[in-house]
């Protein structure tokens, strides 16, 4: 990756010094990393790629809007799992590299939330309502990305509420969505949303952590994201085929 625009020689030197000073701690953290760290999303990205290809292939028989909305959704799913897998599986040798990947990993959560909304907004809601929801969630996602890029070390109590707020933006239009797509997709959206929210709470509290050498608190969070993504994937199918 390239250095951020505007980086000065002095800040580069400071970052290099920080890399040298903190590398031993990073090495220790890598040694203590649970053996399953990153593997859940590594497996998930392969399954997601196949699932997305099938979804978009069927969307081609529906409409152009169905194609590009499911494609946006599918790309953000694969990027979320893929970037997370790379970030968590690799032992980064410098703090700078690790922070850059952390920025990408956390930014992808915002883009994934907006991407997941896209097929529901365009295929499951009436025109103006769907477009308004789409603008709101994508604007919120881009604001979240800006936060992660400009403040990568922001505490969890800043980022997690933003994820939750954006994730539940569907609530004001849930009635209209029900009128258009029926109960089953709405239930799956609710189930997925609750699992995501539960996972976010586990992430924020770093709990539970029963087997820290193998399967730590972060693995529970990753497992929750996969289960929730599966629920929403089925919901997208139901909306597509209604």
Protein backbone atom coordinates (compact mmCIF):
# COMPACT_ATOMS: atom_id res chain seq x y z
CA UNK A 1 0.00 0.00 0.00
CA UNK A 2 1.08 3.58 -0.55
CA UNK A 3 1.67 6.03 2.27
CA UNK A 4 -1.29 8.32 3.10
CA UNK A 5 -1.33 11.60 1.21
CA UNK A 6 0.43 14.35 3.10
CA UNK A 7 2.77 12.17 5.15
CA UNK A 8 5.86 14.19 6.05
CA UNK A 9 9.43 13.02 6.50
CA UNK A 10 9.16 13.72 10.23
CA UNK A 11 5.99 11.68 10.64
CA UNK A 12 7.53 8.88 8.59
CA UNK A 13 10.56 8.86 10.86
CA UNK A 14 8.30 8.83 13.91
CA UNK A 15 6.31 5.94 12.51
CA UNK A 16 9.52 4.03 11.78
CA UNK A 17 10.68 4.61 15.35
CA UNK A 18 7.32 3.42 16.64
CA UNK A 19 7.61 0.32 14.48
CA UNK A 20 10.97 -0.49 16.05
CA UNK A 21 9.74 0.17 19.58
CA UNK A 22 6.53 -1.81 19.29
CA UNK A 23 7.63 -4.74 17.17
CA UNK A 24 8.50 -6.92 20.21
CA UNK A 25 4.99 -6.42 21.60
CA UNK A 26 3.49 -7.23 18.20
CA UNK A 27 5.57 -10.37 18.01
CA UNK A 28 4.36 -11.43 21.45
CA UNK A 29 0.74 -10.72 20.47
CA UNK A 30 1.20 -12.86 17.35
CA UNK A 31 2.49 -15.73 19.45
CA UNK A 32 -0.55 -15.46 21.71
CA UNK A 33 -3.01 -15.25 18.80
CA UNK A 34 -5.56 -18.11 18.89
CA UNK A 35 -4.80 -20.78 16.31
CA UNK A 36 -8.25 -20.32 14.76
CA UNK A 37 -7.79 -16.58 14.30
CA UNK A 38 -8.89 -15.67 10.78
CA UNK A 39 -9.73 -19.19 9.65
CA UNK A 40 -13.51 -18.78 9.92
CA UNK A 41 -13.49 -15.90 7.43
CA UNK A 42 -10.89 -17.66 5.27
CA UNK A 43 -13.31 -20.55 4.77
CA UNK A 44 -16.28 -18.19 4.50
CA UNK A 45 -14.87 -16.21 1.58
CA UNK A 46 -14.63 -19.35 -0.58
CA UNK A 47 -18.21 -20.38 0.12
CA UNK A 48 -19.39 -16.79 -0.31
CA UNK A 49 -17.81 -16.50 -3.76
CA UNK A 50 -19.66 -19.58 -5.02
CA UNK A 51 -22.92 -18.44 -3.40
CA UNK A 52 -22.65 -14.97 -4.94
CA UNK A 53 -22.00 -16.35 -8.43
CA UNK A 54 -25.18 -18.43 -8.15
CA UNK A 55 -27.17 -15.45 -6.89
CA UNK A 56 -26.04 -13.08 -9.65
CA UNK A 57 -26.59 -15.75 -12.30
CA UNK A 58 -30.24 -16.04 -11.27
CA UNK A 59 -30.52 -12.25 -11.04
CA UNK A 60 -29.70 -12.02 -14.76
CA UNK A 61 -33.08 -13.63 -15.43
CA UNK A 62 -34.91 -11.00 -13.37
CA UNK A 63 -33.72 -7.49 -14.28
CA UNK A 64 -30.70 -5.26 -14.70
CA UNK A 65 -31.39 -3.72 -11.29
CA UNK A 66 -31.41 -7.19 -9.77
CA UNK A 67 -28.05 -7.94 -11.37
CA UNK A 68 -26.15 -4.91 -10.19
CA UNK A 69 -27.77 -4.78 -6.74
CA UNK A 70 -26.93 -8.43 -6.04
CA UNK A 71 -23.46 -7.89 -7.52
CA UNK A 72 -22.79 -4.97 -5.16
CA UNK A 73 -24.09 -7.07 -2.28
CA UNK A 74 -21.97 -10.06 -3.28
CA UNK A 75 -18.79 -8.06 -3.75
CA UNK A 76 -19.07 -6.48 -0.31
CA UNK A 77 -19.69 -9.89 1.29
CA UNK A 78 -16.61 -11.38 -0.37
CA UNK A 79 -14.47 -8.32 0.39
CA UNK A 80 -15.54 -8.34 4.03
CA UNK A 81 -14.53 -11.96 4.55
CA UNK A 82 -11.48 -11.70 2.29
CA UNK A 83 -9.96 -8.60 3.87
CA UNK A 84 -10.69 -9.95 7.35
CA UNK A 85 -9.02 -13.26 6.50
CA UNK A 86 -5.88 -11.52 5.23
CA UNK A 87 -5.73 -9.15 8.20
CA UNK A 88 -6.17 -11.85 10.83
CA UNK A 89 -4.19 -14.70 9.27
CA UNK A 90 -0.99 -12.79 8.48
CA UNK A 91 1.46 -11.76 11.19
CA UNK A 92 2.24 -8.18 10.20
CA UNK A 93 5.87 -7.23 10.72
CA UNK A 94 5.36 -3.51 11.36
CA UNK A 95 2.81 -1.47 13.24
CA UNK A 96 2.24 0.63 10.13
CA UNK A 97 1.28 -2.39 8.02
CA UNK A 98 -0.95 -3.76 10.77
CA UNK A 99 -2.77 -0.44 11.22
CA UNK A 100 -3.33 -0.11 7.47
CA UNK A 101 -4.89 -3.55 7.35
CA UNK A 102 -6.92 -2.78 10.46
CA UNK A 103 -8.26 0.30 8.68
CA UNK A 104 -9.24 -1.80 5.68
CA UNK A 105 -10.78 -4.54 7.83
CA UNK A 106 -12.92 -2.20 9.90
CA UNK A 107 -13.86 -0.06 6.88
CA UNK A 108 -15.17 -3.13 5.09
CA UNK A 109 -17.74 -3.67 7.84
CA UNK A 110 -19.37 -0.35 6.95
CA UNK A 111 -19.30 -1.11 3.21
CA UNK A 112 -20.67 -4.58 3.87
CA UNK A 113 -23.63 -3.18 5.82
CA UNK A 114 -24.45 -0.79 2.96
CA UNK A 115 -23.92 -3.53 0.38
CA UNK A 116 -26.30 -5.82 2.26
CA UNK A 117 -28.97 -3.12 2.19
CA UNK A 118 -28.66 -2.58 -1.56
CA UNK A 119 -30.82 -5.47 -2.89
CA UNK A 120 -33.49 -4.89 -0.23
CA UNK A 121 -33.64 -1.17 -0.97
CA UNK A 122 -33.84 -1.59 -4.75
CA UNK A 123 -35.80 -4.83 -5.06
CA UNK A 124 -37.90 -4.89 -1.91
CA UNK A 125 -39.03 -1.29 -1.38
CA UNK A 126 -40.99 1.18 -3.53
CA UNK A 127 -38.90 3.57 -5.62
CA UNK A 128 -38.51 6.71 -3.50
CA UNK A 129 -38.36 4.84 -0.19
CA UNK A 130 -35.73 2.44 -1.48
CA UNK A 131 -33.61 5.19 -2.99
CA UNK A 132 -33.77 7.24 0.21
CA UNK A 133 -32.74 4.26 2.33
CA UNK A 134 -29.91 3.52 -0.08
CA UNK A 135 -28.60 7.10 0.08
CA UNK A 136 -28.77 7.12 3.89
CA UNK A 137 -26.96 3.82 4.42
CA UNK A 138 -24.26 4.45 1.82
CA UNK A 139 -23.66 7.97 3.16
CA UNK A 140 -23.42 6.50 6.65
CA UNK A 141 -21.06 3.79 5.41
CA UNK A 142 -18.75 6.30 3.73
CA UNK A 143 -18.75 8.40 6.91
CA UNK A 144 -17.80 5.27 8.85
CA UNK A 145 -14.99 4.52 6.42
CA UNK A 146 -13.72 8.08 6.83
CA UNK A 147 -13.74 7.58 10.60
CA UNK A 148 -11.71 4.38 10.34
CA UNK A 149 -9.21 5.91 7.92
CA UNK A 150 -8.72 9.11 9.90
CA UNK A 151 -8.92 7.59 13.39
CA UNK A 152 -7.82 3.95 13.11
CA UNK A 153 -7.21 3.62 16.84
CA UNK A 154 -10.68 4.86 17.82
CA UNK A 155 -11.98 2.99 20.89
CA UNK A 156 -14.58 0.27 20.41
CA UNK A 157 -17.26 2.35 22.12
CA UNK A 158 -17.03 4.77 19.17
CA UNK A 159 -17.13 2.28 16.29
CA UNK A 160 -19.55 -0.35 17.60
CA UNK A 161 -22.54 2.03 18.12
CA UNK A 162 -22.03 3.33 14.58
CA UNK A 163 -22.14 -0.21 13.20
CA UNK A 164 -25.33 -0.91 15.15
CA UNK A 165 -27.00 2.37 14.19
CA UNK A 166 -26.31 1.81 10.50
CA UNK A 167 -27.27 -1.85 10.72
CA UNK A 168 -30.72 -1.09 12.09
CA UNK A 169 -31.53 1.72 9.63
CA UNK A 170 -34.14 -0.61 8.12
CA UNK A 171 -36.48 -0.23 11.12
CA UNK A 172 -38.34 2.93 9.95
CA UNK A 173 -39.29 1.25 6.64
CA UNK A 174 -39.84 -2.28 7.95
CA UNK A 175 -43.60 -1.96 7.44
CA UNK A 176 -43.22 -1.07 3.77
CA UNK A 177 -40.72 -3.87 3.29
CA UNK A 178 -43.20 -6.34 4.80
CA UNK A 179 -45.94 -5.10 2.46
CA UNK A 180 -43.70 -5.68 -0.55
CA UNK A 181 -41.79 -8.89 0.24
CA UNK A 182 -43.77 -10.64 2.95
CA UNK A 183 -42.92 -12.00 6.37
CA UNK A 184 -40.16 -14.56 5.69
CA UNK A 185 -37.48 -12.14 4.39
CA UNK A 186 -38.30 -9.73 7.20
CA UNK A 187 -37.87 -12.46 9.82
CA UNK A 188 -34.53 -13.47 8.29
CA UNK A 189 -33.42 -9.84 8.31
CA UNK A 190 -34.39 -9.58 11.96
CA UNK A 191 -32.61 -12.81 12.88
CA UNK A 192 -29.48 -11.75 11.01
CA UNK A 193 -29.59 -8.30 12.57
CA UNK A 194 -29.88 -9.74 16.06
CA UNK A 195 -26.95 -12.08 15.43
CA UNK A 196 -24.84 -9.22 14.06
CA UNK A 197 -25.76 -7.07 17.06
CA UNK A 198 -24.93 -9.88 19.46
CA UNK A 199 -21.61 -10.35 17.69
CA UNK A 200 -20.88 -6.63 17.97
CA UNK A 201 -21.49 -6.80 21.71
CA UNK A 202 -19.15 -9.80 21.98
CA UNK A 203 -16.56 -7.83 20.01
CA UNK A 204 -16.92 -4.78 22.24
CA UNK A 205 -16.74 -6.75 25.49
CA UNK A 206 -14.14 -9.32 24.35
CA UNK A 207 -16.34 -12.05 25.82
CA UNK A 208 -16.54 -15.04 26.00
CA UNK A 209 -12.93 -16.18 25.83
CA UNK A 210 -13.00 -19.83 26.95
CA UNK A 211 -10.12 -21.22 24.87
CA UNK A 212 -7.77 -18.27 24.22
CA UNK A 213 -5.04 -20.44 22.71
CA UNK A 214 -7.35 -21.95 20.09
CA UNK A 215 -10.75 -20.21 19.85
CA UNK A 216 -10.86 -16.81 21.50
CA UNK A 217 -13.45 -14.09 21.94
CA UNK A 218 -12.84 -12.72 18.44
CA UNK A 219 -13.65 -16.11 16.90
CA UNK A 220 -17.14 -15.93 18.44
CA UNK A 221 -17.56 -12.55 16.75
CA UNK A 222 -16.42 -13.96 13.40
CA UNK A 223 -18.75 -16.95 13.75
CA UNK A 224 -21.65 -14.58 14.42
CA UNK A 225 -20.90 -12.59 11.26
CA UNK A 226 -20.98 -15.76 9.15
CA UNK A 227 -24.28 -16.98 10.63
CA UNK A 228 -25.87 -13.56 10.19
CA UNK A 229 -24.58 -13.26 6.62
CA UNK A 230 -26.14 -16.64 5.85
CA UNK A 231 -29.53 -15.49 7.16
CA UNK A 232 -29.39 -12.35 5.03
CA UNK A 233 -28.21 -14.29 1.99
CA UNK A 234 -31.33 -16.47 2.15
CA UNK A 235 -33.44 -13.33 2.60
CA UNK A 236 -31.94 -11.82 -0.57
CA UNK A 237 -32.87 -14.99 -2.47
CA UNK A 238 -36.48 -14.71 -1.25
CA UNK A 239 -36.68 -11.07 -2.32
CA UNK A 240 -35.12 -11.87 -5.70
CA UNK A 241 -37.51 -14.73 -6.46
CA UNK A 242 -40.75 -13.27 -5.09
